[in-house]
């Protein structure tokens, strides 16, 4: 019997609507080669929907998503809709209600791409940022008082639980066990944030005792950002809180050539809920509708989704096709120094799949 997977597809906003179809086409092509099928269900949840209905997604949206094997998301956000409205109306509820606590963002210098760091090669840039995805600094705890007066104040609380912190540490260490270097770096700021970050450091130290085969390092977030630029070869698996992981996983792709190639997975590792896969680049309103968006991140994200679904060979085929497509400037988009538009880049990937 042919293996069949049900995928909820939310192209979202801006360039998400341009690159997600490319990812679907590429995933379908490798599925055909590897003997399985993908059944896509389209959802129009977006800022455009919000403008029409006052909701980013319907009230029963989570129930509609739950039966699927995975969720494939393009981008969220558009001018005219405040970011906290668009994100907390769609992306963040999915992450939290489906307990997608592990945000995984690989950083690699792909074949055919040149790093802005002079002299760096693929051997130097190959690491994964593991971001805690459902608590930390991005909590709903807090509020504002005395709005509009000279006494106005805003309070935002960071929430770190032992359960949440330990499980993301364990995920990072287990991931490191599957990689040749077997190394985990922790991002912290315990010299300035006096409660949550010392707690994070303590839980990192406890994780080290559970995984004695893994080498470790720990840096404050400010110098860690500098080390990403100066010494990317130091890193293998990097684990960070919600905020720090978010920052590092945008800086990492820049080191590897462009945020236009950056994939991401929001995982519920236990498989109790569907996991969600999304490129990192966002909706990019400045280039949306011009047909020039780089589809590589969306395709690489699709490869991560296939790997999660158990189709590892298909995922490898897809990543190999991406790298083959990037070997010539004529099939690289302009953010990578090439001349291709979205369509030409997409066709090169499909041609490489064969």
Protein backbone atom coordinates (compact mmCIF):
# COMPACT_ATOMS: atom_id res chain seq x y z
CA UNK A 1 0.00 0.00 0.00
CA UNK A 2 1.30 3.46 -0.92
CA UNK A 3 2.24 5.57 2.06
CA UNK A 4 0.06 8.67 2.29
CA UNK A 5 0.48 11.75 4.47
CA UNK A 6 -2.06 14.48 5.14
CA UNK A 7 -0.56 17.97 5.24
CA UNK A 8 -2.34 21.14 6.34
CA UNK A 9 -0.98 23.97 4.19
CA UNK A 10 -1.16 27.61 5.31
CA UNK A 11 0.66 29.84 2.79
CA UNK A 12 -0.17 32.87 4.93
CA UNK A 13 1.04 36.29 3.86
CA UNK A 14 3.40 37.97 1.42
CA UNK A 15 6.02 35.76 -0.15
CA UNK A 16 4.62 32.79 1.74
CA UNK A 17 1.99 32.52 -0.99
CA UNK A 18 4.77 32.50 -3.61
CA UNK A 19 7.24 30.02 -2.12
CA UNK A 20 4.95 27.48 -0.46
CA UNK A 21 3.62 26.23 -3.82
CA UNK A 22 7.24 25.67 -4.86
CA UNK A 23 7.85 23.61 -1.75
CA UNK A 24 4.71 21.60 -2.44
CA UNK A 25 5.73 20.89 -6.03
CA UNK A 26 9.22 19.82 -4.99
CA UNK A 27 7.87 17.61 -2.19
CA UNK A 28 5.39 16.00 -4.59
CA UNK A 29 8.20 15.30 -7.05
CA UNK A 30 10.38 13.49 -4.51
CA UNK A 31 7.33 11.70 -3.10
CA UNK A 32 6.66 10.26 -6.56
CA UNK A 33 10.27 9.07 -6.77
CA UNK A 34 10.21 7.45 -3.33
CA UNK A 35 6.81 5.78 -3.42
CA UNK A 36 4.54 7.85 -1.22
CA UNK A 37 1.92 10.56 -1.68
CA UNK A 38 1.15 13.87 0.00
CA UNK A 39 -2.45 15.05 0.41
CA UNK A 40 -2.50 18.81 0.88
CA UNK A 41 -5.40 20.64 2.51
CA UNK A 42 -5.27 24.39 1.90
CA UNK A 43 -6.16 26.94 4.58
CA UNK A 44 -6.42 30.66 3.73
CA UNK A 45 -5.59 31.84 7.25
CA UNK A 46 -3.70 35.12 6.96
CA UNK A 47 -3.72 38.85 7.56
CA UNK A 48 -6.01 39.19 4.54
CA UNK A 49 -8.49 36.93 6.29
CA UNK A 50 -8.09 39.02 9.45
CA UNK A 51 -8.95 42.18 7.51
CA UNK A 52 -12.14 40.52 6.29
CA UNK A 53 -13.26 38.64 9.40
CA UNK A 54 -11.36 40.01 12.39
CA UNK A 55 -9.72 36.59 12.94
CA UNK A 56 -6.44 35.16 11.69
CA UNK A 57 -8.02 31.72 11.82
CA UNK A 58 -11.51 30.49 12.71
CA UNK A 59 -12.42 29.64 16.29
CA UNK A 60 -12.26 25.91 15.50
CA UNK A 61 -8.97 26.25 13.64
CA UNK A 62 -6.96 24.03 15.98
CA UNK A 63 -9.53 21.25 15.66
CA UNK A 64 -9.24 21.50 11.88
CA UNK A 65 -5.46 21.13 12.02
CA UNK A 66 -5.21 18.34 14.58
CA UNK A 67 -6.03 15.35 12.31
CA UNK A 68 -3.20 16.14 9.89
CA UNK A 69 0.22 14.50 9.93
CA UNK A 70 2.00 17.86 9.66
CA UNK A 71 1.44 21.57 9.06
CA UNK A 72 3.28 23.49 6.33
CA UNK A 73 3.24 27.24 6.98
CA UNK A 74 4.50 30.00 4.71
CA UNK A 75 4.68 33.28 6.60
CA UNK A 76 2.65 35.43 8.97
CA UNK A 77 2.46 39.23 8.97
CA UNK A 78 1.49 42.12 6.77
CA UNK A 79 1.53 45.95 7.05
CA UNK A 80 -1.65 47.24 8.60
CA UNK A 81 -2.01 44.31 10.99
CA UNK A 82 0.13 44.70 14.13
CA UNK A 83 2.67 41.91 14.46
CA UNK A 84 1.46 40.90 17.90
CA UNK A 85 -2.04 40.49 16.45
CA UNK A 86 -0.97 38.34 13.50
CA UNK A 87 1.47 36.16 15.45
CA UNK A 88 -0.69 35.65 18.52
CA UNK A 89 -3.69 35.01 16.32
CA UNK A 90 -2.14 32.17 14.31
CA UNK A 91 1.46 31.10 14.71
CA UNK A 92 1.87 31.16 18.48
CA UNK A 93 -1.44 29.43 19.31
CA UNK A 94 -0.47 26.57 16.99
CA UNK A 95 2.96 26.24 18.60
CA UNK A 96 1.56 26.28 22.11
CA UNK A 97 -1.67 24.33 21.85
CA UNK A 98 0.15 21.59 19.95
CA UNK A 99 3.07 21.75 22.41
CA UNK A 100 5.62 22.27 19.64
CA UNK A 101 8.30 23.03 22.19
CA UNK A 102 11.36 22.31 20.06
CA UNK A 103 12.09 24.84 17.34
CA UNK A 104 14.84 23.41 15.14
CA UNK A 105 16.76 25.64 12.74
CA UNK A 106 19.67 24.10 10.83
CA UNK A 107 22.45 26.35 9.56
CA UNK A 108 24.63 25.02 6.74
CA UNK A 109 26.71 26.56 4.01
CA UNK A 110 25.07 24.88 1.05
CA UNK A 111 26.99 23.91 -2.06
CA UNK A 112 26.94 26.83 -4.49
CA UNK A 113 26.42 29.47 -1.78
CA UNK A 114 29.16 31.83 -0.62
CA UNK A 115 29.26 32.93 3.00
CA UNK A 116 29.74 36.65 3.67
CA UNK A 117 32.51 35.51 6.03
CA UNK A 118 35.61 35.57 3.88
CA UNK A 119 37.34 32.24 3.46
CA UNK A 120 34.73 30.15 5.27
CA UNK A 121 33.71 26.84 3.71
CA UNK A 122 31.01 24.24 4.25
CA UNK A 123 33.32 22.52 6.74
CA UNK A 124 33.18 25.62 8.93
CA UNK A 125 29.43 26.30 8.92
CA UNK A 126 27.25 23.36 9.88
CA UNK A 127 25.30 23.69 13.11
CA UNK A 128 21.75 23.56 14.46
CA UNK A 129 20.02 26.09 16.70
CA UNK A 130 17.58 24.44 19.12
CA UNK A 131 15.16 27.03 20.47
CA UNK A 132 12.76 26.54 23.37
CA UNK A 133 9.50 27.40 21.66
CA UNK A 134 6.58 27.68 24.07
CA UNK A 135 7.64 29.57 27.20
CA UNK A 136 10.62 31.71 28.23
CA UNK A 137 10.57 35.38 27.34
CA UNK A 138 7.59 35.04 24.98
CA UNK A 139 4.94 34.67 27.65
CA UNK A 140 1.53 36.28 28.04
CA UNK A 141 2.26 37.18 31.65
CA UNK A 142 2.37 40.94 32.17
CA UNK A 143 0.45 44.04 31.25
CA UNK A 144 0.32 47.81 30.99
CA UNK A 145 -0.83 50.40 33.48
CA UNK A 146 -1.75 54.07 33.24
CA UNK A 147 -1.88 54.11 29.47
CA UNK A 148 -1.47 57.51 27.90
CA UNK A 149 -0.18 59.18 31.05
CA UNK A 150 3.31 60.16 32.10
CA UNK A 151 3.18 57.25 34.56
CA UNK A 152 2.55 54.66 31.84
CA UNK A 153 4.35 51.38 32.45
CA UNK A 154 4.68 48.00 30.78
CA UNK A 155 5.66 44.73 32.46
CA UNK A 156 6.56 41.53 30.60
CA UNK A 157 7.40 38.42 32.58
CA UNK A 158 9.67 35.62 31.39
CA UNK A 159 8.49 32.16 32.42
CA UNK A 160 10.98 29.30 32.76
CA UNK A 161 9.78 25.98 34.17
CA UNK A 162 11.94 23.03 35.12
CA UNK A 163 9.88 20.76 32.88
CA UNK A 164 10.12 23.10 29.90
CA UNK A 165 13.80 23.84 30.36
CA UNK A 166 14.87 20.25 30.97
CA UNK A 167 13.04 18.86 27.97
CA UNK A 168 14.60 21.33 25.53
CA UNK A 169 18.02 20.62 27.03
CA UNK A 170 17.44 16.89 26.63
CA UNK A 171 16.33 17.37 23.03
CA UNK A 172 19.50 19.32 22.23
CA UNK A 173 21.79 16.76 23.87
CA UNK A 174 20.05 13.82 22.16
CA UNK A 175 20.36 15.63 18.84
CA UNK A 176 24.07 16.14 19.47
CA UNK A 177 24.43 12.39 20.04
CA UNK A 178 23.41 11.84 16.40
CA UNK A 179 26.06 14.21 15.04
CA UNK A 180 29.80 13.55 14.57
CA UNK A 181 31.07 16.34 16.83
CA UNK A 182 28.74 15.59 19.76
CA UNK A 183 28.84 19.11 21.19
CA UNK A 184 26.22 21.42 22.74
CA UNK A 185 26.58 25.16 23.38
CA UNK A 186 24.22 26.98 25.73
CA UNK A 187 23.18 30.60 25.20
CA UNK A 188 22.74 32.49 28.47
CA UNK A 189 22.87 35.97 30.03
CA UNK A 190 23.16 35.13 33.70
CA UNK A 191 25.47 38.06 34.40
CA UNK A 192 22.61 40.49 33.77
CA UNK A 193 19.33 38.56 34.08
CA UNK A 194 19.51 37.43 37.68
CA UNK A 195 16.69 34.92 38.08
CA UNK A 196 15.77 33.09 34.88
CA UNK A 197 19.22 32.82 33.36
CA UNK A 198 20.98 31.39 36.43
CA UNK A 199 18.12 28.88 36.54
CA UNK A 200 18.76 28.09 32.84
CA UNK A 201 22.47 27.61 33.63
CA UNK A 202 21.63 25.24 36.50
CA UNK A 203 19.41 23.11 34.26
CA UNK A 204 22.15 23.06 31.59
CA UNK A 205 24.61 21.82 34.21
CA UNK A 206 22.13 19.12 35.23
CA UNK A 207 21.69 18.06 31.60
CA UNK A 208 25.46 17.70 31.25
CA UNK A 209 25.42 15.04 33.98
CA UNK A 210 22.72 13.10 32.09
CA UNK A 211 24.75 13.13 28.87
CA UNK A 212 28.41 12.67 29.87
CA UNK A 213 29.35 11.70 26.30
CA UNK A 214 28.57 15.21 25.01
CA UNK A 215 31.11 18.05 25.12
CA UNK A 216 29.72 21.45 26.11
CA UNK A 217 30.32 25.18 26.12
CA UNK A 218 28.40 28.15 27.48
CA UNK A 219 28.45 31.79 26.37
CA UNK A 220 26.57 34.95 27.18
CA UNK A 221 24.31 35.85 24.28
CA UNK A 222 26.20 39.01 23.30
CA UNK A 223 29.58 37.37 22.84
CA UNK A 224 27.90 34.28 21.39
CA UNK A 225 26.57 36.44 18.55
CA UNK A 226 30.10 37.68 17.95
CA UNK A 227 31.43 34.12 17.94
CA UNK A 228 28.83 33.10 15.34
CA UNK A 229 30.48 35.62 13.03
CA UNK A 230 34.11 35.13 14.00
CA UNK A 231 34.15 31.41 14.83
CA UNK A 232 31.20 29.59 13.24
CA UNK A 233 33.30 26.43 13.20
CA UNK A 234 33.06 26.25 17.01
CA UNK A 235 29.39 25.27 16.93
CA UNK A 236 27.48 22.03 16.49
CA UNK A 237 24.19 22.17 18.46
CA UNK A 238 23.29 25.47 20.12
CA UNK A 239 20.45 25.54 22.66
CA UNK A 240 18.76 28.76 23.68
CA UNK A 241 15.67 30.17 25.29
CA UNK A 242 12.76 31.40 23.20
CA UNK A 243 14.21 34.90 22.72
CA UNK A 244 17.86 33.98 22.43
CA UNK A 245 17.13 31.07 20.11
CA UNK A 246 15.03 33.35 17.92
CA UNK A 247 17.87 35.86 17.59
CA UNK A 248 20.56 33.26 16.94
CA UNK A 249 18.51 31.41 14.35
CA UNK A 250 18.26 34.55 12.22
CA UNK A 251 21.93 35.40 12.62
CA UNK A 252 22.96 31.86 11.69
CA UNK A 253 21.44 31.88 8.18
CA UNK A 254 23.03 35.27 7.53
CA UNK A 255 26.39 33.68 8.29
CA UNK A 256 25.45 30.89 5.85
CA UNK A 257 24.61 33.28 3.02
CA UNK A 258 21.00 34.45 3.28
CA UNK A 259 17.93 34.22 5.45
CA UNK A 260 16.19 33.26 2.20
CA UNK A 261 17.58 29.74 2.57
CA UNK A 262 16.68 29.23 6.25
CA UNK A 263 14.25 26.44 7.18
CA UNK A 264 12.64 25.68 10.54
CA UNK A 265 10.62 23.01 12.29
CA UNK A 266 8.30 23.44 15.26
CA UNK A 267 8.28 19.96 16.73
CA UNK A 268 6.15 18.08 19.17
CA UNK A 269 8.77 15.36 19.57
CA UNK A 270 6.41 12.95 21.31
CA UNK A 271 4.05 12.96 18.32
CA UNK A 272 0.95 13.74 20.37
CA UNK A 273 0.13 16.62 18.01
CA UNK A 274 1.11 17.52 14.45
CA UNK A 275 4.39 19.39 14.09
CA UNK A 276 4.64 22.53 11.97
CA UNK A 277 7.26 23.46 9.40
CA UNK A 278 7.95 27.02 8.25
CA UNK A 279 10.72 28.92 6.49
CA UNK A 280 12.36 31.56 8.68
CA UNK A 281 12.32 34.49 6.25
CA UNK A 282 8.88 35.88 7.09
CA UNK A 283 6.42 37.52 4.73
CA UNK A 284 8.93 40.06 3.28
CA UNK A 285 6.40 42.74 2.18
CA UNK A 286 9.19 44.70 0.48
CA UNK A 287 9.55 42.05 -2.25
CA UNK A 288 6.17 40.33 -2.13
CA UNK A 289 4.41 40.09 -5.47
CA UNK A 290 7.55 40.74 -7.50
CA UNK A 291 8.32 37.09 -8.22
CA UNK A 292 11.86 37.35 -6.90
CA UNK A 293 11.57 35.57 -3.53
CA UNK A 294 14.03 32.78 -2.85
CA UNK A 295 12.10 29.47 -2.59
CA UNK A 296 15.03 27.49 -1.15
CA UNK A 297 13.98 27.98 2.49
CA UNK A 298 10.49 26.69 1.72
CA UNK A 299 11.89 23.66 -0.10
CA UNK A 300 14.44 22.89 2.62
CA UNK A 301 11.61 23.23 5.16
CA UNK A 302 9.63 20.68 3.14
CA UNK A 303 12.64 18.37 3.35
CA UNK A 304 12.63 18.72 7.14
CA UNK A 305 8.94 17.84 7.12
CA UNK A 306 9.53 14.72 5.04
CA UNK A 307 12.32 13.64 7.34
CA UNK A 308 10.02 14.11 10.35
CA UNK A 309 7.39 11.97 8.63
CA UNK A 310 9.91 9.15 8.31
CA UNK A 311 10.84 9.73 4.66
CA UNK A 312 14.53 10.34 5.27
CA UNK A 313 15.68 9.24 1.81
CA UNK A 314 13.24 11.62 0.14
CA UNK A 315 14.49 14.43 2.37
CA UNK A 316 18.08 13.76 1.30
CA UNK A 317 17.00 13.75 -2.35
CA UNK A 318 15.34 17.13 -1.88
CA UNK A 319 18.33 18.73 -0.18
CA UNK A 320 20.65 17.37 -2.87
CA UNK A 321 18.38 18.92 -5.50
CA UNK A 322 18.54 22.26 -3.70
CA UNK A 323 22.34 22.20 -3.69
CA UNK A 324 22.50 21.18 -7.34
CA UNK A 325 20.20 24.08 -8.23
CA UNK A 326 22.47 26.53 -6.44
CA UNK A 327 25.62 25.67 -8.34
CA UNK A 328 25.04 28.21 -11.13
CA UNK A 329 24.37 31.96 -10.73
CA UNK A 330 21.62 31.73 -13.36
CA UNK A 331 19.58 29.53 -11.02
CA UNK A 332 20.38 31.37 -7.77
CA UNK A 333 18.14 34.23 -6.68
CA UNK A 334 19.54 37.71 -6.20
CA UNK A 335 19.92 37.43 -2.40
CA UNK A 336 22.53 34.77 -3.17
CA UNK A 337 24.27 36.83 -5.83
CA UNK A 338 22.47 35.24 -8.75
CA UNK A 339 20.02 36.41 -11.39
CA UNK A 340 17.14 33.92 -11.11
CA UNK A 341 13.60 34.82 -10.17
CA UNK A 342 11.37 32.55 -8.08
CA UNK A 343 10.15 30.60 -11.09
CA UNK A 344 13.62 29.92 -12.48
CA UNK A 345 14.94 28.83 -9.08
CA UNK A 346 11.93 26.55 -8.62
CA UNK A 347 12.39 24.99 -12.04
CA UNK A 348 16.07 24.34 -11.34
CA UNK A 349 15.14 22.44 -8.19
CA UNK A 350 12.52 20.39 -10.01
CA UNK A 351 14.97 19.66 -12.83
CA UNK A 352 17.53 18.47 -10.29
CA UNK A 353 14.96 16.12 -8.76
CA UNK A 354 14.46 14.74 -12.24
